[in-house]
Amino acid sequence: MTIQEQLISDVAIVRLGGRVTLTDGTTVFDNALQQLIKDGHLKIIIDLADVPYIDSTALGIILRAHATVTRRGGALKLLYVRGHVHELLELTKLLTVIESYESEADALASLGAARPPGQ
């Protein structure tokens, strides 16, 4: 699993790559989200474009982060949910709880942010 973070305005985008499972990076993923929240980033987008598979551990991490930022007045959104990940989120009804977008611009706009010109 790979993870990259990017800040656009007051929104943190977490870009994941590869499988996100108990044996493939959930600890790193959880630590990254918790550090962002600890640092005061309460608007988070998780980009899942390059994630073919997540397990229940990764799903729990996303849910916990969503609950934490929502409780603190922020929001967590998902970006590019596809394939197995989409099926899992649909099956668990989490797509009715966590908003998902197919456009980074739309996800940013939903959080009141816009990509600066030239990026």
C-alpha atoms as a PDB file:
ATOM      1  CA  MET A   1       0.000   0.000   0.000  1.00  0.00           C
ATOM      2  CA  THR A   2       1.133   3.535  -0.732  1.00  0.00           C
ATOM      3  CA  ILE A   3      -0.146   6.729   0.808  1.00  0.00           C
ATOM      4  CA  GLN A   4       0.313  10.355  -0.202  1.00  0.00           C
ATOM      5  CA  GLU A   5      -1.120  13.432   1.468  1.00  0.00           C
ATOM      6  CA  GLN A   6      -1.897  16.747  -0.194  1.00  0.00           C
ATOM      7  CA  LEU A   7      -3.375  19.914   1.271  1.00  0.00           C
ATOM      8  CA  ILE A   8      -5.630  22.071  -0.871  1.00  0.00           C
ATOM      9  CA  SER A   9      -6.897  25.075   1.019  1.00  0.00           C
ATOM     10  CA  ASP A  10      -8.094  23.562   4.317  1.00  0.00           C
ATOM     11  CA  VAL A  11      -8.816  20.122   2.846  1.00  0.00           C
ATOM     12  CA  ALA A  12      -6.481  17.157   3.298  1.00  0.00           C
ATOM     13  CA  ILE A  13      -6.520  14.670   0.426  1.00  0.00           C
ATOM     14  CA  VAL A  14      -5.237  11.208   1.285  1.00  0.00           C
ATOM     15  CA  ARG A  15      -4.331   9.267  -1.875  1.00  0.00           C
ATOM     16  CA  LEU A  16      -4.073   5.529  -1.384  1.00  0.00           C
ATOM     17  CA  GLY A  17      -2.600   2.950  -3.725  1.00  0.00           C
ATOM     18  CA  GLY A  18      -2.733  -0.825  -3.634  1.00  0.00           C
ATOM     19  CA  ARG A  19      -4.566  -3.164  -1.302  1.00  0.00           C
ATOM     20  CA  VAL A  20      -5.461  -1.764   2.110  1.00  0.00           C
ATOM     21  CA  THR A  21      -5.697  -4.722   4.468  1.00  0.00           C
ATOM     22  CA  LEU A  22      -4.603  -5.778   7.920  1.00  0.00           C
ATOM     23  CA  THR A  23      -1.394  -7.177   6.417  1.00  0.00           C
ATOM     24  CA  ASP A  24      -1.003  -4.464   3.755  1.00  0.00           C
ATOM     25  CA  GLY A  25      -0.883  -1.079   5.414  1.00  0.00           C
ATOM     26  CA  THR A  26      -3.906  -0.444   7.594  1.00  0.00           C
ATOM     27  CA  THR A  27      -1.659   0.659  10.454  1.00  0.00           C
ATOM     28  CA  VAL A  28       0.033   3.274   8.270  1.00  0.00           C
ATOM     29  CA  PHE A  29      -3.353   4.396   6.914  1.00  0.00           C
ATOM     30  CA  ASP A  30      -4.849   4.699  10.403  1.00  0.00           C
ATOM     31  CA  ASN A  31      -1.814   6.582  11.717  1.00  0.00           C
ATOM     32  CA  ALA A  32      -1.941   9.030   8.793  1.00  0.00           C
ATOM     33  CA  LEU A  33      -5.638   9.798   9.320  1.00  0.00           C
ATOM     34  CA  GLN A  34      -5.272  10.137  13.081  1.00  0.00           C
ATOM     35  CA  GLN A  35      -2.287  12.477  12.653  1.00  0.00           C
ATOM     36  CA  LEU A  36      -4.230  14.674  10.226  1.00  0.00           C
ATOM     37  CA  ILE A  37      -7.102  14.903  12.702  1.00  0.00           C
ATOM     38  CA  LYS A  38      -4.707  15.555  15.594  1.00  0.00           C
ATOM     39  CA  ASP A  39      -3.160  18.369  13.525  1.00  0.00           C
ATOM     40  CA  GLY A  40      -6.602  19.950  13.153  1.00  0.00           C
ATOM     41  CA  HIS A  41      -7.500  18.840   9.622  1.00  0.00           C
ATOM     42  CA  LEU A  42     -11.217  18.162   9.838  1.00  0.00           C
ATOM     43  CA  LYS A  43     -11.977  18.185   6.108  1.00  0.00           C
ATOM     44  CA  ILE A  44     -10.609  15.011   4.573  1.00  0.00           C
ATOM     45  CA  ILE A  45     -10.981  13.363   1.174  1.00  0.00           C
ATOM     46  CA  ILE A  46      -9.823   9.773   0.765  1.00  0.00           C
ATOM     47  CA  ASP A  47      -8.890   9.057  -2.867  1.00  0.00           C
ATOM     48  CA  LEU A  48      -9.449   5.365  -3.609  1.00  0.00           C
ATOM     49  CA  ALA A  49      -8.789   5.461  -7.381  1.00  0.00           C
ATOM     50  CA  ASP A  50      -5.815   3.098  -7.131  1.00  0.00           C
ATOM     51  CA  VAL A  51      -7.237   0.790  -4.450  1.00  0.00           C
ATOM     52  CA  PRO A  52      -8.510  -2.533  -5.806  1.00  0.00           C
ATOM     53  CA  TYR A  53      -9.356  -4.020  -2.403  1.00  0.00           C
ATOM     54  CA  ILE A  54      -9.971  -3.037   1.220  1.00  0.00           C
ATOM     55  CA  ASP A  55     -10.824  -5.300   4.123  1.00  0.00           C
ATOM     56  CA  SER A  56     -12.990  -4.808   7.195  1.00  0.00           C
ATOM     57  CA  THR A  57     -10.060  -3.324   9.126  1.00  0.00           C
ATOM     58  CA  ALA A  58      -9.616  -0.556   6.538  1.00  0.00           C
ATOM     59  CA  LEU A  59     -13.370  -0.018   6.500  1.00  0.00           C
ATOM     60  CA  GLY A  60     -13.340   0.396  10.279  1.00  0.00           C
ATOM     61  CA  ILE A  61     -10.542   2.975  10.017  1.00  0.00           C
ATOM     62  CA  ILE A  62     -12.547   5.008   7.503  1.00  0.00           C
ATOM     63  CA  LEU A  63     -15.661   4.829   9.691  1.00  0.00           C
ATOM     64  CA  ARG A  64     -13.798   5.875  12.819  1.00  0.00           C
ATOM     65  CA  ALA A  65     -12.191   8.839  11.053  1.00  0.00           C
ATOM     66  CA  HIS A  66     -15.575   9.830   9.587  1.00  0.00           C
ATOM     67  CA  ALA A  67     -17.204   9.714  13.024  1.00  0.00           C
ATOM     68  CA  THR A  68     -14.369  11.682  14.631  1.00  0.00           C
ATOM     69  CA  VAL A  69     -14.279  14.531  12.106  1.00  0.00           C
ATOM     70  CA  THR A  70     -18.077  14.728  11.920  1.00  0.00           C
ATOM     71  CA  ARG A  71     -18.327  14.949  15.702  1.00  0.00           C
ATOM     72  CA  ARG A  72     -15.819  17.817  15.592  1.00  0.00           C
ATOM     73  CA  GLY A  73     -17.715  19.721  12.904  1.00  0.00           C
ATOM     74  CA  GLY A  74     -15.744  18.498   9.899  1.00  0.00           C
ATOM     75  CA  ALA A  75     -16.419  16.027   7.115  1.00  0.00           C
ATOM     76  CA  LEU A  76     -14.832  13.056   5.411  1.00  0.00           C
ATOM     77  CA  LYS A  77     -15.601  12.270   1.760  1.00  0.00           C
ATOM     78  CA  LEU A  78     -14.553   9.454  -0.548  1.00  0.00           C
ATOM     79  CA  LEU A  79     -13.235   9.893  -4.065  1.00  0.00           C
ATOM     80  CA  TYR A  80     -13.187   7.434  -6.979  1.00  0.00           C
ATOM     81  CA  VAL A  81     -14.814   4.464  -5.230  1.00  0.00           C
ATOM     82  CA  ARG A  82     -14.772   1.604  -7.730  1.00  0.00           C
ATOM     83  CA  GLY A  83     -14.883  -2.162  -8.167  1.00  0.00           C
ATOM     84  CA  HIS A  84     -14.662  -4.288  -5.028  1.00  0.00           C
ATOM     85  CA  VAL A  85     -14.427  -1.232  -2.788  1.00  0.00           C
ATOM     86  CA  HIS A  86     -17.683   0.147  -4.223  1.00  0.00           C
ATOM     87  CA  GLU A  87     -19.386  -3.238  -3.824  1.00  0.00           C
ATOM     88  CA  LEU A  88     -18.265  -3.495  -0.188  1.00  0.00           C
ATOM     89  CA  LEU A  89     -19.428   0.027   0.653  1.00  0.00           C
ATOM     90  CA  GLU A  90     -22.732  -0.592  -1.125  1.00  0.00           C
ATOM     91  CA  LEU A  91     -23.266  -3.950   0.608  1.00  0.00           C
ATOM     92  CA  THR A  92     -22.619  -2.425   4.039  1.00  0.00           C
ATOM     93  CA  LYS A  93     -24.817   0.604   3.171  1.00  0.00           C
ATOM     94  CA  LEU A  94     -21.909   2.934   3.972  1.00  0.00           C
ATOM     95  CA  LEU A  95     -22.404   4.841   0.720  1.00  0.00           C
ATOM     96  CA  THR A  96     -25.576   6.181   2.356  1.00  0.00           C
ATOM     97  CA  VAL A  97     -23.477   7.451   5.286  1.00  0.00           C
ATOM     98  CA  ILE A  98     -20.256   8.669   3.644  1.00  0.00           C
ATOM     99  CA  GLU A  99     -20.522  10.788   0.514  1.00  0.00           C
ATOM    100  CA  SER A 100     -18.629   9.588  -2.538  1.00  0.00           C
ATOM    101  CA  TYR A 101     -17.558  11.597  -5.588  1.00  0.00           C
ATOM    102  CA  GLU A 102     -16.269  10.787  -9.068  1.00  0.00           C
ATOM    103  CA  SER A 103     -14.645  14.208  -9.479  1.00  0.00           C
ATOM    104  CA  GLU A 104     -11.992  15.751  -7.270  1.00  0.00           C
ATOM    105  CA  ALA A 105     -13.388  19.207  -8.054  1.00  0.00           C
ATOM    106  CA  ASP A 106     -16.851  18.132  -6.857  1.00  0.00           C
ATOM    107  CA  ALA A 107     -15.431  16.592  -3.678  1.00  0.00           C
ATOM    108  CA  LEU A 108     -13.470  19.772  -2.937  1.00  0.00           C
ATOM    109  CA  ALA A 109     -16.503  21.956  -3.662  1.00  0.00           C
ATOM    110  CA  SER A 110     -18.600  19.869  -1.255  1.00  0.00           C
ATOM    111  CA  LEU A 111     -16.137  20.879   1.455  1.00  0.00           C
ATOM    112  CA  GLY A 112     -16.119  24.530   0.466  1.00  0.00           C
ATOM    113  CA  ALA A 113     -12.699  24.398  -1.196  1.00  0.00           C
ATOM    114  CA  ALA A 114     -11.494  24.822  -4.743  1.00  0.00           C
ATOM    115  CA  ARG A 115      -8.308  23.723  -6.429  1.00  0.00           C
ATOM    116  CA  PRO A 116      -6.067  26.755  -6.921  1.00  0.00           C
ATOM    117  CA  PRO A 117      -5.518  27.710 -10.580  1.00  0.00           C
ATOM    118  CA  GLY A 118      -2.632  25.875 -12.203  1.00  0.00           C
ATOM    119  CA  GLN A 119      -2.834  22.762 -10.020  1.00  0.00           C
END
